[in-house]
Amino acid sequence: MKNILLTGKPGVGKTTLILKVLSNLNCDVIGFYTQEIRKGNTRVGFELVEISDEKREVFAHIDFDKRYRVGRYGVDISILEEIGVESIKRGIIEKKLIVIDEIGKMELYSQRFQEAVTLALNSPSPVLATITRSSIPFVNDVKQRKDVTILAITRNKRDELLEKLIASLKGWK
């Protein structure tokens, strides 16, 4: 499996699964993941975290007055392009395992992001990504590619998928 896409309901543990896989692999990885920002019990935004150097920036927040919005969150596309797109491009050049968390509504406001995802999927490097379940043209195109494997995560299947992902990616540099 070269390009692996994880999908599932929000909150099922897609990002957590990716982080567990990475902690069990001994290979060169580049890319990013998203992390919730909470204020008490309420989610107020998302940070984008670059994997190799832990650089993190707020990507979406309820207090952002931005042109792009998903639900109650304003989305700062410049952060995605500065951290996410650049890490994807470095992963392609450096031929590392590329992690993309996630291919979703917020991220798809960026044409540069869509182009970087396509380049990564077309590259020799393996891609481990999360992808929305929503029906969006770009997402649908990615899901229909013959070189992707889509794994649906449920709470009951997480541990089983962890072992499967580790086994699949272990052979990578």
Protein backbone atom coordinates (compact mmCIF):
# COMPACT_ATOMS: atom_id res chain seq x y z
CA MET A 1 0.00 0.00 0.00
CA LYS A 2 1.74 3.16 -1.21
CA ASN A 3 -0.91 5.80 -0.54
CA ILE A 4 -3.06 5.11 2.52
CA LEU A 5 -6.07 7.28 3.32
CA LEU A 6 -7.75 7.03 6.71
CA THR A 7 -11.36 8.08 6.96
CA GLY A 8 -14.02 7.96 9.64
CA LYS A 9 -16.37 10.03 11.73
CA PRO A 10 -15.02 13.16 13.41
CA GLY A 11 -13.46 12.29 16.76
CA VAL A 12 -12.99 8.59 15.97
CA GLY A 13 -9.21 8.87 16.35
CA LYS A 14 -7.72 9.33 12.88
CA THR A 15 -5.00 11.73 14.02
CA THR A 16 -4.33 9.67 17.14
CA LEU A 17 -3.88 6.58 14.98
CA ILE A 18 -1.40 8.39 12.73
CA LEU A 19 0.61 9.57 15.75
CA LYS A 20 0.69 6.02 17.15
CA VAL A 21 1.88 4.65 13.80
CA LEU A 22 4.65 7.25 13.65
CA SER A 23 5.81 6.48 17.18
CA ASN A 24 6.17 2.81 16.16
CA LEU A 25 8.02 3.37 12.89
CA ASN A 26 11.73 3.89 12.48
CA CYS A 27 11.76 5.82 9.22
CA ASP A 28 12.10 9.34 7.87
CA VAL A 29 8.76 11.14 8.06
CA ILE A 30 7.71 14.61 7.03
CA GLY A 31 4.33 16.31 6.92
CA PHE A 32 1.84 17.70 9.37
CA TYR A 33 -1.06 16.87 11.63
CA THR A 34 -3.85 18.94 13.11
CA GLN A 35 -4.53 19.28 16.80
CA GLU A 36 -7.64 20.63 18.47
CA ILE A 37 -7.45 23.78 20.56
CA ARG A 38 -9.81 23.54 23.50
CA LYS A 39 -11.03 26.06 26.03
CA GLY A 40 -12.47 23.97 28.82
CA ASN A 41 -14.75 21.40 27.18
CA THR A 42 -15.25 23.46 24.03
CA ARG A 43 -13.23 23.16 20.82
CA VAL A 44 -12.29 26.66 19.70
CA GLY A 45 -9.86 25.94 16.88
CA PHE A 46 -7.13 23.84 15.30
CA GLU A 47 -3.36 24.03 15.21
CA LEU A 48 -1.24 22.77 12.36
CA VAL A 49 1.84 20.92 13.65
CA GLU A 50 4.81 20.18 11.39
CA ILE A 51 6.09 16.70 12.27
CA SER A 52 9.84 17.00 11.83
CA ASP A 53 10.42 20.18 13.85
CA GLU A 54 7.17 20.46 15.85
CA LYS A 55 6.56 23.96 14.43
CA ARG A 56 2.95 24.80 15.24
CA GLU A 57 0.60 27.60 14.31
CA VAL A 58 -3.11 28.25 14.76
CA PHE A 59 -4.77 27.35 11.46
CA ALA A 60 -8.47 27.81 12.26
CA HIS A 61 -10.19 29.50 15.18
CA ILE A 62 -13.59 30.79 16.21
CA ASP A 63 -12.04 34.24 16.80
CA PHE A 64 -10.49 34.49 13.30
CA ASP A 65 -12.24 37.00 11.07
CA LYS A 66 -11.17 35.38 7.80
CA ARG A 67 -12.57 35.21 4.29
CA TYR A 68 -12.62 31.40 4.44
CA ARG A 69 -14.92 29.77 6.97
CA VAL A 70 -15.98 26.25 7.88
CA GLY A 71 -18.79 26.25 10.39
CA ARG A 72 -17.87 28.70 13.10
CA TYR A 73 -14.14 28.62 12.34
CA GLY A 74 -12.24 31.22 10.36
CA VAL A 75 -9.48 29.50 8.37
CA ASP A 76 -6.01 31.00 7.83
CA ILE A 77 -4.91 29.51 4.50
CA SER A 78 -1.47 31.13 4.75
CA ILE A 79 -0.62 28.87 7.73
CA LEU A 80 -1.62 25.77 5.75
CA GLU A 81 0.51 26.85 2.82
CA GLU A 82 3.47 27.89 4.98
CA ILE A 83 3.59 24.71 7.07
CA GLY A 84 1.50 22.04 5.34
CA VAL A 85 2.21 22.63 1.66
CA GLU A 86 5.91 23.26 2.26
CA SER A 87 6.31 20.07 4.33
CA ILE A 88 4.56 18.03 1.61
CA LYS A 89 6.93 19.47 -1.01
CA ARG A 90 9.99 18.71 1.17
CA GLY A 91 8.75 15.16 1.65
CA ILE A 92 8.57 14.66 -2.11
CA ILE A 93 12.06 16.10 -2.68
CA GLU A 94 13.62 14.22 0.25
CA LYS A 95 11.75 10.99 -0.59
CA LYS A 96 10.31 10.56 2.90
CA LEU A 97 7.03 9.13 4.17
CA ILE A 98 4.57 12.02 3.79
CA VAL A 99 1.86 12.55 6.42
CA ILE A 100 -1.12 14.76 5.55
CA ASP A 101 -3.69 15.30 8.30
CA GLU A 102 -6.09 16.13 6.74
CA ILE A 103 -7.58 16.41 3.30
CA GLY A 104 -10.78 18.16 4.34
CA LYS A 105 -13.02 21.17 3.88
CA MET A 106 -10.74 23.70 5.57
CA GLU A 107 -7.67 22.62 3.62
CA LEU A 108 -9.41 22.54 0.27
CA TYR A 109 -9.76 26.32 0.20
CA SER A 110 -6.11 26.26 -0.90
CA GLN A 111 -5.38 25.45 -4.54
CA ARG A 112 -1.69 25.12 -3.60
CA PHE A 113 -2.64 22.45 -1.06
CA GLN A 114 -4.63 20.50 -3.64
CA GLU A 115 -1.71 20.65 -6.05
CA ALA A 116 0.75 19.50 -3.35
CA VAL A 117 -1.51 16.55 -2.40
CA THR A 118 -1.69 15.48 -6.05
CA LEU A 119 2.10 15.76 -6.43
CA ALA A 120 2.62 13.71 -3.26
CA LEU A 121 0.23 10.96 -4.38
CA ASN A 122 1.99 10.86 -7.77
CA SER A 123 5.47 10.76 -6.22
CA PRO A 124 7.47 7.63 -5.33
CA SER A 125 7.09 8.48 -1.62
CA PRO A 126 4.33 6.79 0.36
CA VAL A 127 1.55 8.99 1.71
CA LEU A 128 -0.34 8.41 4.95
CA ALA A 129 -3.26 10.84 5.13
CA THR A 130 -6.62 11.42 6.70
CA ILE A 131 -9.47 12.38 4.42
CA THR A 132 -12.97 13.67 5.04
CA ARG A 133 -15.98 11.44 4.45
CA SER A 134 -17.74 14.39 2.78
CA SER A 135 -18.51 14.31 -0.91
CA ILE A 136 -16.37 17.12 -2.37
CA PRO A 137 -15.11 16.97 -5.98
CA PHE A 138 -11.36 16.98 -5.14
CA VAL A 139 -11.88 14.48 -2.30
CA ASN A 140 -13.92 12.21 -4.56
CA ASP A 141 -11.18 12.32 -7.21
CA VAL A 142 -8.52 11.39 -4.65
CA LYS A 143 -10.61 8.53 -3.27
CA GLN A 144 -11.16 7.11 -6.77
CA ARG A 145 -7.46 6.88 -7.61
CA LYS A 146 -6.26 3.35 -8.27
CA ASP A 147 -3.07 3.91 -6.23
CA VAL A 148 -4.83 4.65 -2.91
CA THR A 149 -6.06 2.33 -0.22
CA ILE A 150 -8.89 3.71 1.91
CA LEU A 151 -9.19 2.40 5.46
CA ALA A 152 -12.30 3.28 7.45
CA ILE A 153 -11.60 3.76 11.16
CA THR A 154 -14.04 2.84 13.86
CA ARG A 155 -13.37 2.72 17.59
CA ASN A 156 -13.47 -1.10 17.44
CA LYS A 157 -11.00 -1.36 14.53
CA ARG A 158 -8.34 1.17 15.65
CA ASP A 159 -5.92 -1.32 17.23
CA GLU A 160 -6.27 -3.75 14.33
CA LEU A 161 -5.57 -0.92 11.88
CA LEU A 162 -2.56 0.21 13.89
CA GLU A 163 -0.85 -3.15 13.41
CA LYS A 164 -1.81 -3.24 9.73
CA LEU A 165 -0.43 0.26 9.09
CA ILE A 166 2.82 -0.42 10.93
CA ALA A 167 3.33 -3.62 8.92
CA SER A 168 2.58 -1.83 5.63
CA LEU A 169 4.91 1.09 6.26
CA LYS A 170 7.75 -0.72 8.05
CA GLY A 171 9.52 -1.54 4.80
CA TRP A 172 9.83 2.13 3.87
CA LYS A 173 13.37 3.50 4.39
